[in-house]
């Protein structure tokens, strides 16, 4: 075994433990948001719920904003992975409305899993996460949508794929985030999902005139 191989073998368990600890801190923060409040999520309380010392927490995250930033990145990656999975070439044969419904339901499920986390990220996100990183995420998602629309161009209502991808993405995202923040009385989540699916389908798909 070479010196480099031996060193890599020693580092692997350390890296695995570090990842477990880091994930425990992030998950503990979410639990506090959901069960208590944003204000209750002090670094001391987060360390307590995560089962680590405050010193260990600061080893990974120098302050609470760093935890929020990491949570933002993790939710970005989850949303992007969902979009890439649904809008993959394997799903090109699905009816457009079914594909749109899979996208909307998947995003709704991400928000529903941790609604208070997403409320916090909407309010605090631009303060702790640089605007260019938020924009980079948006561009990545819109690019995934654009590539899918190009592959299904024969069914599109309009020829401007760049604009169509932008409008479809932000229509869904803005509506869902507004429903999280405003908590409008009488707003039914299932009805909201179906309305969004209908909205995007009518906008994108040629000759889609009636609700399915």
C-alpha atoms as a PDB file:
ATOM      1  CA  UNK A   1       0.000   0.000   0.000  1.00  0.00           C
ATOM      2  CA  UNK A   2       1.443   3.357  -0.992  1.00  0.00           C
ATOM      3  CA  UNK A   3       1.630   6.269   1.407  1.00  0.00           C
ATOM      4  CA  UNK A   4      -1.069   8.133  -0.549  1.00  0.00           C
ATOM      5  CA  UNK A   5      -3.400   5.105  -0.514  1.00  0.00           C
ATOM      6  CA  UNK A   6      -2.908   4.614   3.214  1.00  0.00           C
ATOM      7  CA  UNK A   7      -3.649   8.263   3.888  1.00  0.00           C
ATOM      8  CA  UNK A   8      -6.801   8.113   1.784  1.00  0.00           C
ATOM      9  CA  UNK A   9      -7.924   5.007   3.698  1.00  0.00           C
ATOM     10  CA  UNK A  10      -7.440   6.809   7.016  1.00  0.00           C
ATOM     11  CA  UNK A  11      -9.262   9.922   5.811  1.00  0.00           C
ATOM     12  CA  UNK A  12     -12.311   8.058   4.543  1.00  0.00           C
ATOM     13  CA  UNK A  13     -13.816   7.235   7.983  1.00  0.00           C
ATOM     14  CA  UNK A  14     -13.086  10.767   9.164  1.00  0.00           C
ATOM     15  CA  UNK A  15     -14.851  12.230   6.163  1.00  0.00           C
ATOM     16  CA  UNK A  16     -17.803   9.897   6.688  1.00  0.00           C
ATOM     17  CA  UNK A  17     -18.074  10.900  10.361  1.00  0.00           C
ATOM     18  CA  UNK A  18     -17.799  14.561   9.424  1.00  0.00           C
ATOM     19  CA  UNK A  19     -20.622  14.184   6.915  1.00  0.00           C
ATOM     20  CA  UNK A  20     -22.808  12.432   9.504  1.00  0.00           C
ATOM     21  CA  UNK A  21     -22.160  15.196  12.047  1.00  0.00           C
ATOM     22  CA  UNK A  22     -22.799  17.931   9.508  1.00  0.00           C
ATOM     23  CA  UNK A  23     -26.069  16.313   8.423  1.00  0.00           C
ATOM     24  CA  UNK A  24     -27.137  15.890  12.050  1.00  0.00           C
ATOM     25  CA  UNK A  25     -26.652  19.615  12.650  1.00  0.00           C
ATOM     26  CA  UNK A  26     -28.656  20.546   9.548  1.00  0.00           C
ATOM     27  CA  UNK A  27     -31.461  18.102  10.394  1.00  0.00           C
ATOM     28  CA  UNK A  28     -31.586  19.342  13.991  1.00  0.00           C
ATOM     29  CA  UNK A  29     -31.970  22.914  12.764  1.00  0.00           C
ATOM     30  CA  UNK A  30     -34.932  21.898  10.620  1.00  0.00           C
ATOM     31  CA  UNK A  31     -36.579  20.072  13.547  1.00  0.00           C
ATOM     32  CA  UNK A  32     -36.312  23.202  15.681  1.00  0.00           C
ATOM     33  CA  UNK A  33     -37.783  25.351  12.916  1.00  0.00           C
ATOM     34  CA  UNK A  34     -40.700  22.967  12.463  1.00  0.00           C
ATOM     35  CA  UNK A  35     -41.437  22.169  16.130  1.00  0.00           C
ATOM     36  CA  UNK A  36     -40.387  25.386  17.852  1.00  0.00           C
ATOM     37  CA  UNK A  37     -39.497  28.516  15.895  1.00  0.00           C
ATOM     38  CA  UNK A  38     -36.790  30.256  13.936  1.00  0.00           C
ATOM     39  CA  UNK A  39     -35.912  32.308  16.999  1.00  0.00           C
ATOM     40  CA  UNK A  40     -35.479  29.170  19.106  1.00  0.00           C
ATOM     41  CA  UNK A  41     -32.802  27.847  16.753  1.00  0.00           C
ATOM     42  CA  UNK A  42     -29.777  29.241  18.554  1.00  0.00           C
ATOM     43  CA  UNK A  43     -26.462  27.514  18.053  1.00  0.00           C
ATOM     44  CA  UNK A  44     -26.678  26.177  21.619  1.00  0.00           C
ATOM     45  CA  UNK A  45     -30.126  24.713  21.016  1.00  0.00           C
ATOM     46  CA  UNK A  46     -29.129  23.285  17.637  1.00  0.00           C
ATOM     47  CA  UNK A  47     -26.093  21.552  19.169  1.00  0.00           C
ATOM     48  CA  UNK A  48     -28.297  20.126  21.932  1.00  0.00           C
ATOM     49  CA  UNK A  49     -30.862  18.686  19.504  1.00  0.00           C
ATOM     50  CA  UNK A  50     -28.125  17.398  17.187  1.00  0.00           C
ATOM     51  CA  UNK A  51     -26.387  15.649  20.087  1.00  0.00           C
ATOM     52  CA  UNK A  52     -23.066  17.400  19.567  1.00  0.00           C
ATOM     53  CA  UNK A  53     -21.074  19.914  21.559  1.00  0.00           C
ATOM     54  CA  UNK A  54     -21.267  23.587  20.701  1.00  0.00           C
ATOM     55  CA  UNK A  55     -17.559  23.406  19.902  1.00  0.00           C
ATOM     56  CA  UNK A  56     -18.216  20.657  17.353  1.00  0.00           C
ATOM     57  CA  UNK A  57     -20.979  22.710  15.781  1.00  0.00           C
ATOM     58  CA  UNK A  58     -18.670  25.708  15.403  1.00  0.00           C
ATOM     59  CA  UNK A  59     -16.079  23.441  13.808  1.00  0.00           C
ATOM     60  CA  UNK A  60     -18.470  22.913  10.897  1.00  0.00           C
ATOM     61  CA  UNK A  61     -20.475  26.135  11.008  1.00  0.00           C
ATOM     62  CA  UNK A  62     -18.979  29.339  12.468  1.00  0.00           C
ATOM     63  CA  UNK A  63     -22.440  30.870  13.032  1.00  0.00           C
ATOM     64  CA  UNK A  64     -26.142  30.243  12.447  1.00  0.00           C
ATOM     65  CA  UNK A  65     -26.137  32.006   9.093  1.00  0.00           C
ATOM     66  CA  UNK A  66     -23.649  29.423   7.840  1.00  0.00           C
ATOM     67  CA  UNK A  67     -26.145  26.707   8.780  1.00  0.00           C
ATOM     68  CA  UNK A  68     -28.904  28.527   6.893  1.00  0.00           C
ATOM     69  CA  UNK A  69     -26.623  28.873   3.893  1.00  0.00           C
ATOM     70  CA  UNK A  70     -25.901  25.130   3.928  1.00  0.00           C
ATOM     71  CA  UNK A  71     -29.612  24.353   4.247  1.00  0.00           C
ATOM     72  CA  UNK A  72     -30.312  26.608   1.283  1.00  0.00           C
ATOM     73  CA  UNK A  73     -27.743  24.751  -0.801  1.00  0.00           C
ATOM     74  CA  UNK A  74     -29.146  21.375   0.226  1.00  0.00           C
ATOM     75  CA  UNK A  75     -32.686  22.364  -0.751  1.00  0.00           C
ATOM     76  CA  UNK A  76     -31.395  23.740  -4.053  1.00  0.00           C
ATOM     77  CA  UNK A  77     -29.761  20.398  -4.809  1.00  0.00           C
ATOM     78  CA  UNK A  78     -32.872  18.433  -3.858  1.00  0.00           C
ATOM     79  CA  UNK A  79     -35.088  20.565  -6.078  1.00  0.00           C
ATOM     80  CA  UNK A  80     -32.626  20.356  -8.971  1.00  0.00           C
ATOM     81  CA  UNK A  81     -32.308  16.574  -8.618  1.00  0.00           C
ATOM     82  CA  UNK A  82     -36.094  16.260  -8.744  1.00  0.00           C
ATOM     83  CA  UNK A  83     -36.311  18.381 -11.884  1.00  0.00           C
ATOM     84  CA  UNK A  84     -33.525  16.424 -13.585  1.00  0.00           C
ATOM     85  CA  UNK A  85     -35.176  13.119 -12.748  1.00  0.00           C
ATOM     86  CA  UNK A  86     -38.649  14.066 -13.970  1.00  0.00           C
ATOM     87  CA  UNK A  87     -37.446  15.938 -17.056  1.00  0.00           C
ATOM     88  CA  UNK A  88     -35.066  13.203 -18.152  1.00  0.00           C
ATOM     89  CA  UNK A  89     -35.078  11.595 -21.579  1.00  0.00           C
ATOM     90  CA  UNK A  90     -36.751   8.531 -20.053  1.00  0.00           C
ATOM     91  CA  UNK A  91     -39.920  10.602 -19.543  1.00  0.00           C
ATOM     92  CA  UNK A  92     -40.103  12.081 -23.027  1.00  0.00           C
ATOM     93  CA  UNK A  93     -42.907   9.677 -23.948  1.00  0.00           C
ATOM     94  CA  UNK A  94     -45.186  10.795 -21.121  1.00  0.00           C
ATOM     95  CA  UNK A  95     -48.083  13.070 -21.914  1.00  0.00           C
ATOM     96  CA  UNK A  96     -47.042  16.722 -21.285  1.00  0.00           C
ATOM     97  CA  UNK A  97     -49.703  17.212 -18.621  1.00  0.00           C
ATOM     98  CA  UNK A  98     -48.483  14.144 -16.716  1.00  0.00           C
ATOM     99  CA  UNK A  99     -44.901  15.402 -16.815  1.00  0.00           C
ATOM    100  CA  UNK A 100     -45.967  18.815 -15.553  1.00  0.00           C
ATOM    101  CA  UNK A 101     -47.960  17.207 -12.767  1.00  0.00           C
ATOM    102  CA  UNK A 102     -44.954  15.144 -11.672  1.00  0.00           C
ATOM    103  CA  UNK A 103     -42.838  18.299 -11.517  1.00  0.00           C
ATOM    104  CA  UNK A 104     -45.397  20.296  -9.544  1.00  0.00           C
ATOM    105  CA  UNK A 105     -46.237  17.487  -7.122  1.00  0.00           C
ATOM    106  CA  UNK A 106     -42.567  16.795  -6.471  1.00  0.00           C
ATOM    107  CA  UNK A 107     -41.815  20.432  -5.678  1.00  0.00           C
ATOM    108  CA  UNK A 108     -44.925  20.645  -3.507  1.00  0.00           C
ATOM    109  CA  UNK A 109     -43.747  17.575  -1.589  1.00  0.00           C
ATOM    110  CA  UNK A 110     -40.353  19.188  -0.949  1.00  0.00           C
ATOM    111  CA  UNK A 111     -42.027  22.265   0.507  1.00  0.00           C
ATOM    112  CA  UNK A 112     -44.585  20.236   2.469  1.00  0.00           C
ATOM    113  CA  UNK A 113     -41.855  18.119   4.090  1.00  0.00           C
ATOM    114  CA  UNK A 114     -40.414  21.185   5.876  1.00  0.00           C
ATOM    115  CA  UNK A 115     -42.720  24.183   5.387  1.00  0.00           C
ATOM    116  CA  UNK A 116     -41.218  26.288   8.152  1.00  0.00           C
ATOM    117  CA  UNK A 117     -37.730  25.721   6.791  1.00  0.00           C
ATOM    118  CA  UNK A 118     -38.797  27.060   3.422  1.00  0.00           C
ATOM    119  CA  UNK A 119     -40.515  30.041   5.019  1.00  0.00           C
ATOM    120  CA  UNK A 120     -37.264  30.838   6.803  1.00  0.00           C
ATOM    121  CA  UNK A 121     -35.242  30.404   3.613  1.00  0.00           C
ATOM    122  CA  UNK A 122     -37.564  32.723   1.683  1.00  0.00           C
ATOM    123  CA  UNK A 123     -37.267  35.449   4.311  1.00  0.00           C
ATOM    124  CA  UNK A 124     -33.620  34.970   5.294  1.00  0.00           C
ATOM    125  CA  UNK A 125     -32.232  33.352   2.152  1.00  0.00           C
ATOM    126  CA  UNK A 126     -31.086  36.432   0.244  1.00  0.00           C
ATOM    127  CA  UNK A 127     -29.509  37.813   3.407  1.00  0.00           C
ATOM    128  CA  UNK A 128     -27.287  34.776   3.974  1.00  0.00           C
ATOM    129  CA  UNK A 129     -26.932  33.410   0.431  1.00  0.00           C
ATOM    130  CA  UNK A 130     -25.365  35.686  -2.205  1.00  0.00           C
ATOM    131  CA  UNK A 131     -27.815  36.691  -4.924  1.00  0.00           C
ATOM    132  CA  UNK A 132     -25.549  35.281  -7.629  1.00  0.00           C
ATOM    133  CA  UNK A 133     -25.818  31.787  -6.099  1.00  0.00           C
ATOM    134  CA  UNK A 134     -29.605  32.001  -6.015  1.00  0.00           C
ATOM    135  CA  UNK A 135     -29.575  33.165  -9.636  1.00  0.00           C
ATOM    136  CA  UNK A 136     -27.194  30.353 -10.579  1.00  0.00           C
ATOM    137  CA  UNK A 137     -29.643  27.831  -9.141  1.00  0.00           C
ATOM    138  CA  UNK A 138     -32.523  29.405 -11.059  1.00  0.00           C
ATOM    139  CA  UNK A 139     -30.487  29.310 -14.264  1.00  0.00           C
ATOM    140  CA  UNK A 140     -29.653  25.634 -13.752  1.00  0.00           C
ATOM    141  CA  UNK A 141     -33.302  24.691 -13.250  1.00  0.00           C
ATOM    142  CA  UNK A 142     -34.468  26.806 -16.183  1.00  0.00           C
ATOM    143  CA  UNK A 143     -31.787  25.167 -18.330  1.00  0.00           C
ATOM    144  CA  UNK A 144     -33.140  21.710 -17.424  1.00  0.00           C
ATOM    145  CA  UNK A 145     -36.663  22.836 -18.351  1.00  0.00           C
ATOM    146  CA  UNK A 146     -35.418  24.426 -21.572  1.00  0.00           C
ATOM    147  CA  UNK A 147     -33.660  21.246 -22.690  1.00  0.00           C
ATOM    148  CA  UNK A 148     -36.788  19.225 -22.045  1.00  0.00           C
ATOM    149  CA  UNK A 149     -38.970  21.686 -23.952  1.00  0.00           C
ATOM    150  CA  UNK A 150     -36.586  21.588 -26.907  1.00  0.00           C
ATOM    151  CA  UNK A 151     -36.956  17.826 -26.967  1.00  0.00           C
ATOM    152  CA  UNK A 152     -40.753  18.215 -27.041  1.00  0.00           C
ATOM    153  CA  UNK A 153     -40.878  21.256 -29.300  1.00  0.00           C
ATOM    154  CA  UNK A 154     -43.512  19.721 -31.566  1.00  0.00           C
ATOM    155  CA  UNK A 155     -46.050  20.036 -28.734  1.00  0.00           C
ATOM    156  CA  UNK A 156     -45.167  23.576 -27.652  1.00  0.00           C
ATOM    157  CA  UNK A 157     -47.617  26.423 -28.076  1.00  0.00           C
ATOM    158  CA  UNK A 158     -44.854  29.014 -28.600  1.00  0.00           C
ATOM    159  CA  UNK A 159     -41.482  28.934 -30.315  1.00  0.00           C
ATOM    160  CA  UNK A 160     -39.573  31.023 -27.743  1.00  0.00           C
ATOM    161  CA  UNK A 161     -38.299  28.192 -25.551  1.00  0.00           C
ATOM    162  CA  UNK A 162     -36.127  30.416 -23.356  1.00  0.00           C
ATOM    163  CA  UNK A 163     -39.061  32.601 -22.360  1.00  0.00           C
ATOM    164  CA  UNK A 164     -41.386  29.617 -21.958  1.00  0.00           C
ATOM    165  CA  UNK A 165     -38.953  27.873 -19.571  1.00  0.00           C
ATOM    166  CA  UNK A 166     -38.501  31.062 -17.537  1.00  0.00           C
ATOM    167  CA  UNK A 167     -42.226  31.792 -17.236  1.00  0.00           C
ATOM    168  CA  UNK A 168     -43.199  28.190 -16.427  1.00  0.00           C
ATOM    169  CA  UNK A 169     -40.568  27.843 -13.700  1.00  0.00           C
ATOM    170  CA  UNK A 170     -41.173  31.152 -11.970  1.00  0.00           C
ATOM    171  CA  UNK A 171     -44.957  30.826 -12.190  1.00  0.00           C
ATOM    172  CA  UNK A 172     -44.854  27.590 -10.211  1.00  0.00           C
ATOM    173  CA  UNK A 173     -42.108  28.621  -7.791  1.00  0.00           C
ATOM    174  CA  UNK A 174     -43.563  32.045  -6.975  1.00  0.00           C
ATOM    175  CA  UNK A 175     -47.061  30.659  -6.447  1.00  0.00           C
ATOM    176  CA  UNK A 176     -45.861  27.898  -4.144  1.00  0.00           C
ATOM    177  CA  UNK A 177     -43.684  30.218  -2.085  1.00  0.00           C
ATOM    178  CA  UNK A 178     -46.536  32.713  -1.794  1.00  0.00           C
ATOM    179  CA  UNK A 179     -48.822  29.955  -0.517  1.00  0.00           C
ATOM    180  CA  UNK A 180     -46.206  29.078   2.126  1.00  0.00           C
ATOM    181  CA  UNK A 181     -45.691  32.648   3.277  1.00  0.00           C
ATOM    182  CA  UNK A 182     -49.244  33.940   3.190  1.00  0.00           C
ATOM    183  CA  UNK A 183     -51.103  30.838   4.430  1.00  0.00           C
ATOM    184  CA  UNK A 184     -54.282  32.087   2.753  1.00  0.00           C
ATOM    185  CA  UNK A 185     -57.412  30.832   4.568  1.00  0.00           C
ATOM    186  CA  UNK A 186     -59.324  28.266   2.549  1.00  0.00           C
ATOM    187  CA  UNK A 187     -56.448  27.574   0.171  1.00  0.00           C
ATOM    188  CA  UNK A 188     -56.457  23.837  -0.474  1.00  0.00           C
ATOM    189  CA  UNK A 189     -53.074  22.335  -1.338  1.00  0.00           C
ATOM    190  CA  UNK A 190     -54.436  19.715  -3.729  1.00  0.00           C
ATOM    191  CA  UNK A 191     -56.544  22.319  -5.525  1.00  0.00           C
ATOM    192  CA  UNK A 192     -53.501  24.569  -5.789  1.00  0.00           C
ATOM    193  CA  UNK A 193     -51.443  21.790  -7.360  1.00  0.00           C
ATOM    194  CA  UNK A 194     -54.138  20.998  -9.928  1.00  0.00           C
ATOM    195  CA  UNK A 195     -54.586  24.672 -10.804  1.00  0.00           C
ATOM    196  CA  UNK A 196     -50.840  25.083 -11.317  1.00  0.00           C
ATOM    197  CA  UNK A 197     -50.717  21.988 -13.506  1.00  0.00           C
ATOM    198  CA  UNK A 198     -53.593  23.352 -15.572  1.00  0.00           C
ATOM    199  CA  UNK A 199     -51.997  26.805 -15.775  1.00  0.00           C
ATOM    200  CA  UNK A 200     -48.631  25.552 -17.005  1.00  0.00           C
ATOM    201  CA  UNK A 201     -50.155  22.976 -19.361  1.00  0.00           C
ATOM    202  CA  UNK A 202     -52.384  25.570 -21.025  1.00  0.00           C
ATOM    203  CA  UNK A 203     -49.440  27.951 -21.303  1.00  0.00           C
ATOM    204  CA  UNK A 204     -46.950  25.467 -22.743  1.00  0.00           C
ATOM    205  CA  UNK A 205     -48.864  22.881 -24.702  1.00  0.00           C
ATOM    206  CA  UNK A 206     -50.338  23.446 -28.099  1.00  0.00           C
ATOM    207  CA  UNK A 207     -54.110  22.964 -28.395  1.00  0.00           C
ATOM    208  CA  UNK A 208     -54.466  22.275 -24.652  1.00  0.00           C
ATOM    209  CA  UNK A 209     -57.819  23.969 -24.118  1.00  0.00           C
ATOM    210  CA  UNK A 210     -59.628  22.023 -21.464  1.00  0.00           C
ATOM    211  CA  UNK A 211     -58.912  20.865 -17.948  1.00  0.00           C
ATOM    212  CA  UNK A 212     -58.102  17.166 -17.847  1.00  0.00           C
END
